[in-house]
Amino acid sequence: MFRSIATRAVSRKKTFAVSAAVLIGASGAVLGNTGTASAATPQEIARKIVPPAQFASFSKIVEHESGWNHTATNSSSGAYGLVQALPASKMASAGSDWKTNPATQIKWGLEYMNERYGSPNGAWNFWQTHGWY
């Protein structure tokens, strides 16, 4: 009986902590659901930010550019992050946490693709032809 009560108390503490973390989120916004205690992957974050009709193209570019590693750095050019921004510091326009927050990098990358290529689909079409975007 004691174990059951203790287990429920610990479970409630975890649920409360996860709920609070989800509500606060990495950028101060409400993110995701309270179902699990694990952190969202960059792919999961991108699915919430990138329009569904554009996600496959966005994902292909990120997979080719960084392998979904938000700290990926190109040693020869200095390009950085999920979308390999060059110079990397231009991602600061999406947030001061651009070095560490995949959501900030995704927001910046989506805006960049929309402005330069019309959409992630347009960026992917360009990437397929040129091997870069």
Protein backbone atom coordinates (compact mmCIF):
# COMPACT_ATOMS: atom_id res chain seq x y z
CA MET A 1 0.00 0.00 0.00
CA PHE A 2 2.78 2.46 0.91
CA ARG A 3 4.54 1.70 -2.40
CA SER A 4 1.33 2.40 -4.29
CA ILE A 5 0.85 5.77 -2.58
CA ALA A 6 4.52 6.68 -3.09
CA THR A 7 4.37 5.67 -6.76
CA ARG A 8 1.28 7.81 -7.32
CA ALA A 9 2.90 10.80 -5.58
CA VAL A 10 6.04 10.54 -7.70
CA SER A 11 3.92 10.14 -10.82
CA ARG A 12 1.93 13.27 -9.97
CA LYS A 13 5.15 15.25 -9.41
CA LYS A 14 6.46 14.14 -12.80
CA THR A 15 3.17 14.99 -14.50
CA PHE A 16 3.16 18.43 -12.89
CA ALA A 17 6.79 19.06 -13.87
CA VAL A 18 6.17 17.95 -17.45
CA SER A 19 3.02 20.09 -17.66
CA ALA A 20 4.89 23.11 -16.41
CA ALA A 21 7.77 22.51 -18.82
CA VAL A 22 5.41 22.13 -21.75
CA LEU A 23 3.54 25.30 -20.85
CA ILE A 24 6.73 27.30 -20.50
CA GLY A 25 8.57 25.68 -23.41
CA ALA A 26 12.04 26.53 -24.57
CA SER A 27 10.96 29.88 -25.97
CA GLY A 28 8.32 30.81 -23.41
CA ALA A 29 5.44 29.63 -25.59
CA VAL A 30 2.95 26.84 -25.07
CA LEU A 31 4.36 23.77 -26.80
CA GLY A 32 3.13 20.22 -27.30
CA ASN A 33 1.14 18.01 -24.99
CA THR A 34 1.72 16.75 -21.49
CA GLY A 35 1.70 13.06 -22.40
CA THR A 36 5.40 12.29 -21.99
CA ALA A 37 8.37 13.55 -20.06
CA SER A 38 10.81 13.32 -22.99
CA ALA A 39 12.00 16.38 -24.85
CA ALA A 40 10.67 16.90 -28.36
CA THR A 41 13.04 16.05 -31.18
CA PRO A 42 13.85 18.68 -33.79
CA GLN A 43 11.65 16.74 -36.25
CA GLU A 44 8.71 16.88 -33.84
CA ILE A 45 9.23 20.59 -33.32
CA ALA A 46 9.41 21.15 -37.09
CA ARG A 47 6.13 19.30 -37.63
CA LYS A 48 4.46 21.89 -35.39
CA ILE A 49 6.04 24.87 -37.20
CA VAL A 50 6.33 23.90 -40.87
CA PRO A 51 3.07 23.63 -42.86
CA PRO A 52 2.22 19.96 -43.54
CA ALA A 53 2.37 20.40 -47.33
CA GLN A 54 5.94 21.76 -46.96
CA PHE A 55 7.30 19.43 -44.27
CA ALA A 56 8.68 16.68 -46.54
CA SER A 57 10.77 19.18 -48.49
CA PHE A 58 11.92 20.98 -45.35
CA SER A 59 12.86 17.64 -43.80
CA LYS A 60 14.85 16.51 -46.85
CA ILE A 61 16.87 19.71 -46.86
CA VAL A 62 17.62 19.50 -43.13
CA GLU A 63 18.51 15.82 -43.41
CA HIS A 64 21.01 16.58 -46.19
CA GLU A 65 22.40 19.73 -44.59
CA SER A 66 22.79 18.69 -40.95
CA GLY A 67 21.28 15.26 -40.35
CA TRP A 68 18.85 17.02 -37.97
CA ASN A 69 21.77 18.00 -35.71
CA HIS A 70 21.07 21.50 -34.41
CA THR A 71 24.74 21.99 -33.49
CA ALA A 72 26.15 20.79 -36.84
CA THR A 73 29.00 23.01 -38.00
CA ASN A 74 30.62 23.01 -41.42
CA SER A 75 34.32 23.18 -40.63
CA SER A 76 35.25 24.83 -43.93
CA SER A 77 32.50 27.44 -44.26
CA GLY A 78 31.28 27.96 -40.70
CA ALA A 79 27.66 27.22 -41.67
CA TYR A 80 25.78 26.18 -38.56
CA GLY A 81 22.67 24.46 -37.32
CA LEU A 82 19.82 22.46 -38.77
CA VAL A 83 19.59 24.58 -41.91
CA GLN A 84 23.32 25.42 -42.12
CA ALA A 85 22.93 29.20 -42.01
CA LEU A 86 25.89 31.20 -43.28
CA PRO A 87 26.87 33.29 -41.51
CA ALA A 88 25.39 31.42 -38.61
CA SER A 89 24.72 34.60 -36.64
CA LYS A 90 21.97 35.68 -39.02
CA MET A 91 19.70 33.19 -37.21
CA ALA A 92 19.76 35.65 -34.31
CA SER A 93 16.96 37.48 -36.12
CA ALA A 94 14.69 34.60 -35.05
CA GLY A 95 15.88 34.58 -31.42
CA SER A 96 18.88 35.04 -29.19
CA ASP A 97 18.92 31.30 -28.43
CA TRP A 98 19.68 30.38 -32.06
CA LYS A 99 22.82 28.40 -31.13
CA THR A 100 20.99 26.01 -28.83
CA ASN A 101 17.29 26.01 -29.71
CA PRO A 102 16.15 23.88 -32.66
CA ALA A 103 12.79 25.70 -32.71
CA THR A 104 14.53 29.04 -33.32
CA GLN A 105 16.61 27.51 -36.11
CA ILE A 106 13.51 25.95 -37.68
CA LYS A 107 11.62 29.25 -37.58
CA TRP A 108 14.54 31.06 -39.17
CA GLY A 109 15.03 28.33 -41.80
CA LEU A 110 11.35 28.33 -42.75
CA GLU A 111 11.37 32.12 -43.12
CA TYR A 112 14.56 31.95 -45.20
CA MET A 113 13.12 29.29 -47.52
CA ASN A 114 9.88 31.22 -47.91
CA GLU A 115 11.64 34.50 -48.68
CA ARG A 116 14.31 33.14 -51.02
CA TYR A 117 12.51 30.24 -52.75
CA GLY A 118 8.82 30.88 -52.07
CA SER A 119 8.53 27.82 -49.84
CA PRO A 120 10.42 24.78 -48.60
CA ASN A 121 9.13 22.96 -51.70
CA GLY A 122 10.78 25.61 -53.86
CA ALA A 123 13.98 25.35 -51.81
CA TRP A 124 14.01 21.56 -52.21
CA ASN A 125 13.54 21.87 -55.99
CA PHE A 126 16.54 24.21 -56.09
CA TRP A 127 18.56 21.91 -53.82
CA GLN A 128 17.92 18.92 -56.08
CA THR A 129 19.27 20.81 -59.08
CA HIS A 130 22.26 22.48 -57.39
CA GLY A 131 23.11 20.34 -54.34
CA TRP A 132 22.77 23.40 -52.07
CA TYR A 133 20.19 26.07 -51.36
